[in-house]
Amino acid sequence: MALETLEKIRVKRYRFKNRPEKEIIGFIAQELHKVLPGAVQVGGKDPSTAPWKIDYLQIIPLMINSIKELHARVKKLESRK
């Protein structure tokens, strides 16, 4: 279940309009909000005064559970040998 949710999250390369020289690898808050709303603080109409924010710490438990799911799959496949 966690892995299915994690697979819905799209990782992007992007640049902030006010810092075009710096490339960032991360998530688009508006996209992440559709998949994991608890990890996103919704901003206001003007992104320069009230931007959307991502709490990356909220994604860690999902990642850990996904790793556990993958590990269980690997163990199951290895036991078939």
N, C-alpha and C. Protein backbone atom coordinates (compact mmCIF):
# COMPACT_ATOMS: atom_id res chain seq x y z
N MET A 1 0.81 -1.19 0.00
CA MET A 1 0.00 0.00 0.00
C MET A 1 0.86 1.26 0.00
N ALA A 2 1.88 1.30 0.84
CA ALA A 2 2.76 2.47 0.88
C ALA A 2 3.49 2.62 -0.45
N LEU A 3 3.92 1.50 -1.01
CA LEU A 3 4.64 1.55 -2.28
C LEU A 3 3.75 2.09 -3.40
N GLU A 4 2.48 1.72 -3.40
CA GLU A 4 1.55 2.24 -4.40
C GLU A 4 1.42 3.76 -4.29
N THR A 5 1.37 4.25 -3.06
CA THR A 5 1.28 5.70 -2.85
C THR A 5 2.56 6.37 -3.29
N LEU A 6 3.69 5.79 -2.92
CA LEU A 6 4.98 6.36 -3.28
C LEU A 6 5.16 6.44 -4.79
N GLU A 7 4.67 5.44 -5.50
CA GLU A 7 4.79 5.42 -6.96
C GLU A 7 3.99 6.54 -7.63
N LYS A 8 3.00 7.09 -6.93
CA LYS A 8 2.19 8.17 -7.48
C LYS A 8 2.88 9.53 -7.36
N ILE A 9 3.93 9.58 -6.57
CA ILE A 9 4.63 10.85 -6.35
C ILE A 9 5.67 11.04 -7.44
N ARG A 10 5.57 12.15 -8.12
CA ARG A 10 6.48 12.44 -9.23
C ARG A 10 7.63 13.32 -8.75
N VAL A 11 8.85 12.88 -9.01
CA VAL A 11 10.04 13.67 -8.69
C VAL A 11 10.35 14.55 -9.90
N LYS A 12 10.64 15.81 -9.62
CA LYS A 12 10.86 16.78 -10.71
C LYS A 12 12.18 17.52 -10.51
N ARG A 13 12.71 17.99 -11.62
CA ARG A 13 13.81 18.97 -11.61
C ARG A 13 13.18 20.29 -11.99
N TYR A 14 13.43 21.32 -11.19
CA TYR A 14 12.83 22.61 -11.48
C TYR A 14 13.70 23.74 -10.94
N ARG A 15 13.33 24.93 -11.31
CA ARG A 15 14.01 26.14 -10.85
C ARG A 15 12.96 27.12 -10.35
N PHE A 16 13.27 27.79 -9.24
CA PHE A 16 12.37 28.84 -8.76
C PHE A 16 12.50 30.05 -9.67
N LYS A 17 11.41 30.75 -9.86
CA LYS A 17 11.43 31.93 -10.72
C LYS A 17 12.41 32.98 -10.21
N ASN A 18 12.49 33.10 -8.88
CA ASN A 18 13.37 34.13 -8.31
C ASN A 18 14.82 33.65 -8.14
N ARG A 19 15.09 32.38 -8.46
CA ARG A 19 16.46 31.85 -8.40
C ARG A 19 16.70 30.89 -9.55
N PRO A 20 16.64 31.37 -10.78
CA PRO A 20 16.75 30.48 -11.95
C PRO A 20 18.10 29.80 -12.10
N GLU A 21 19.11 30.29 -11.42
CA GLU A 21 20.44 29.68 -11.54
C GLU A 21 20.56 28.39 -10.73
N LYS A 22 19.63 28.15 -9.82
CA LYS A 22 19.72 26.97 -8.95
C LYS A 22 18.67 25.94 -9.33
N GLU A 23 19.15 24.77 -9.77
CA GLU A 23 18.23 23.68 -10.10
C GLU A 23 17.95 22.86 -8.84
N ILE A 24 16.70 22.47 -8.68
CA ILE A 24 16.28 21.72 -7.51
C ILE A 24 15.66 20.41 -7.97
N ILE A 25 15.91 19.37 -7.22
CA ILE A 25 15.26 18.09 -7.46
C ILE A 25 14.33 17.87 -6.27
N GLY A 26 13.06 17.72 -6.55
CA GLY A 26 12.10 17.56 -5.47
C GLY A 26 10.71 17.33 -6.01
N PHE A 27 9.75 17.89 -5.31
CA PHE A 27 8.35 17.69 -5.67
C PHE A 27 7.69 19.03 -5.93
N ILE A 28 6.64 19.00 -6.71
CA ILE A 28 5.79 20.17 -6.89
C ILE A 28 4.69 20.04 -5.83
N ALA A 29 4.60 21.02 -4.95
CA ALA A 29 3.69 20.94 -3.81
C ALA A 29 2.25 20.67 -4.23
N GLN A 30 1.81 21.32 -5.28
CA GLN A 30 0.43 21.15 -5.73
C GLN A 30 0.16 19.72 -6.20
N GLU A 31 1.15 19.08 -6.80
CA GLU A 31 1.01 17.69 -7.23
C GLU A 31 1.06 16.75 -6.02
N LEU A 32 1.99 17.00 -5.12
CA LEU A 32 2.14 16.16 -3.93
C LEU A 32 0.89 16.23 -3.06
N HIS A 33 0.27 17.38 -3.02
CA HIS A 33 -0.94 17.56 -2.21
C HIS A 33 -2.04 16.60 -2.62
N LYS A 34 -2.11 16.26 -3.89
CA LYS A 34 -3.13 15.32 -4.38
C LYS A 34 -2.88 13.90 -3.88
N VAL A 35 -1.63 13.56 -3.64
CA VAL A 35 -1.26 12.21 -3.23
C VAL A 35 -1.08 12.10 -1.72
N LEU A 36 -0.44 13.10 -1.13
CA LEU A 36 -0.09 13.08 0.28
C LEU A 36 -0.36 14.45 0.90
N PRO A 37 -1.63 14.78 1.08
CA PRO A 37 -1.98 16.14 1.52
C PRO A 37 -1.39 16.53 2.88
N GLY A 38 -1.14 15.56 3.74
CA GLY A 38 -0.58 15.87 5.05
C GLY A 38 0.84 16.39 5.01
N ALA A 39 1.50 16.23 3.88
CA ALA A 39 2.89 16.69 3.74
C ALA A 39 2.98 18.07 3.12
N VAL A 40 1.83 18.68 2.84
CA VAL A 40 1.83 19.97 2.14
C VAL A 40 1.04 21.02 2.93
N GLN A 41 1.64 22.17 3.06
CA GLN A 41 0.94 23.33 3.61
C GLN A 41 0.48 24.17 2.42
N VAL A 42 -0.83 24.28 2.29
CA VAL A 42 -1.40 25.00 1.15
C VAL A 42 -1.13 26.49 1.29
N GLY A 43 -0.71 27.09 0.20
CA GLY A 43 -0.42 28.52 0.19
C GLY A 43 -1.63 29.33 -0.24
N GLY A 44 -1.38 30.61 -0.40
CA GLY A 44 -2.45 31.52 -0.80
C GLY A 44 -2.44 31.78 -2.29
N LYS A 45 -3.18 32.79 -2.69
CA LYS A 45 -3.29 33.13 -4.10
C LYS A 45 -1.99 33.68 -4.67
N ASP A 46 -1.26 34.41 -3.84
CA ASP A 46 0.00 35.02 -4.30
C ASP A 46 1.18 34.20 -3.76
N PRO A 47 1.84 33.42 -4.62
CA PRO A 47 2.94 32.57 -4.16
C PRO A 47 4.13 33.34 -3.60
N SER A 48 4.26 34.62 -3.92
CA SER A 48 5.39 35.37 -3.39
C SER A 48 5.17 35.74 -1.92
N THR A 49 3.93 35.80 -1.48
CA THR A 49 3.66 36.13 -0.08
C THR A 49 3.16 34.93 0.72
N ALA A 50 2.56 33.96 0.06
CA ALA A 50 2.03 32.78 0.74
C ALA A 50 2.25 31.54 -0.12
N PRO A 51 3.51 31.07 -0.22
CA PRO A 51 3.80 29.92 -1.08
C PRO A 51 3.32 28.59 -0.48
N TRP A 52 3.11 27.62 -1.34
CA TRP A 52 2.85 26.26 -0.90
C TRP A 52 4.16 25.73 -0.34
N LYS A 53 4.09 24.93 0.73
CA LYS A 53 5.30 24.40 1.34
C LYS A 53 5.17 22.90 1.55
N ILE A 54 6.30 22.22 1.42
CA ILE A 54 6.34 20.77 1.62
C ILE A 54 7.11 20.48 2.89
N ASP A 55 6.52 19.62 3.72
CA ASP A 55 7.21 19.12 4.91
C ASP A 55 7.79 17.76 4.52
N TYR A 56 9.04 17.76 4.12
CA TYR A 56 9.68 16.54 3.62
C TYR A 56 9.76 15.46 4.69
N LEU A 57 9.76 15.82 5.94
CA LEU A 57 9.81 14.84 7.02
C LEU A 57 8.56 13.95 7.01
N GLN A 58 7.44 14.47 6.53
CA GLN A 58 6.21 13.69 6.47
C GLN A 58 6.27 12.56 5.44
N ILE A 59 7.24 12.63 4.54
CA ILE A 59 7.37 11.63 3.49
C ILE A 59 8.21 10.44 3.95
N ILE A 60 9.03 10.63 4.96
CA ILE A 60 9.94 9.58 5.44
C ILE A 60 9.21 8.32 5.88
N PRO A 61 8.14 8.38 6.68
CA PRO A 61 7.45 7.13 7.05
C PRO A 61 6.92 6.37 5.84
N LEU A 62 6.44 7.07 4.84
CA LEU A 62 5.98 6.43 3.62
C LEU A 62 7.13 5.71 2.92
N MET A 63 8.28 6.35 2.87
CA MET A 63 9.46 5.74 2.25
C MET A 63 9.90 4.50 3.02
N ILE A 64 9.89 4.58 4.34
CA ILE A 64 10.31 3.43 5.15
C ILE A 64 9.36 2.26 4.95
N ASN A 65 8.06 2.53 4.96
CA ASN A 65 7.10 1.45 4.73
C ASN A 65 7.23 0.87 3.33
N SER A 66 7.56 1.69 2.36
CA SER A 66 7.77 1.19 1.00
C SER A 66 8.99 0.28 0.95
N ILE A 67 10.04 0.66 1.64
CA ILE A 67 11.24 -0.19 1.70
C ILE A 67 10.90 -1.53 2.36
N LYS A 68 10.12 -1.49 3.42
CA LYS A 68 9.71 -2.74 4.08
C LYS A 68 8.90 -3.63 3.14
N GLU A 69 7.99 -3.01 2.38
CA GLU A 69 7.20 -3.79 1.42
C GLU A 69 8.10 -4.42 0.36
N LEU A 70 9.04 -3.65 -0.14
CA LEU A 70 9.97 -4.19 -1.14
C LEU A 70 10.83 -5.30 -0.56
N HIS A 71 11.27 -5.12 0.67
CA HIS A 71 12.09 -6.14 1.33
C HIS A 71 11.31 -7.44 1.48
N ALA A 72 10.04 -7.34 1.85
CA ALA A 72 9.20 -8.53 1.98
C ALA A 72 9.06 -9.24 0.63
N ARG A 73 8.91 -8.46 -0.44
CA ARG A 73 8.81 -9.05 -1.78
C ARG A 73 10.11 -9.78 -2.16
N VAL A 74 11.23 -9.15 -1.86
CA VAL A 74 12.52 -9.75 -2.17
C VAL A 74 12.69 -11.06 -1.41
N LYS A 75 12.37 -11.05 -0.12
CA LYS A 75 12.49 -12.27 0.69
C LYS A 75 11.60 -13.38 0.14
N LYS A 76 10.40 -13.01 -0.29
CA LYS A 76 9.49 -14.00 -0.84
C LYS A 76 10.04 -14.59 -2.14
N LEU A 77 10.59 -13.74 -2.99
CA LEU A 77 11.19 -14.22 -4.24
C LEU A 77 12.42 -15.08 -3.97
N GLU A 78 13.23 -14.68 -3.01
CA GLU A 78 14.43 -15.46 -2.68
C GLU A 78 14.07 -16.82 -2.10
N SER A 79 12.96 -16.91 -1.42
CA SER A 79 12.58 -18.18 -0.82
C SER A 79 12.09 -19.18 -1.87
N ARG A 80 11.80 -18.71 -3.05
CA ARG A 80 11.33 -19.61 -4.12
C ARG A 80 12.47 -20.42 -4.72
N LYS A 81 13.70 -20.02 -4.48
CA LYS A 81 14.86 -20.71 -5.09
C LYS A 81 15.06 -22.08 -4.50
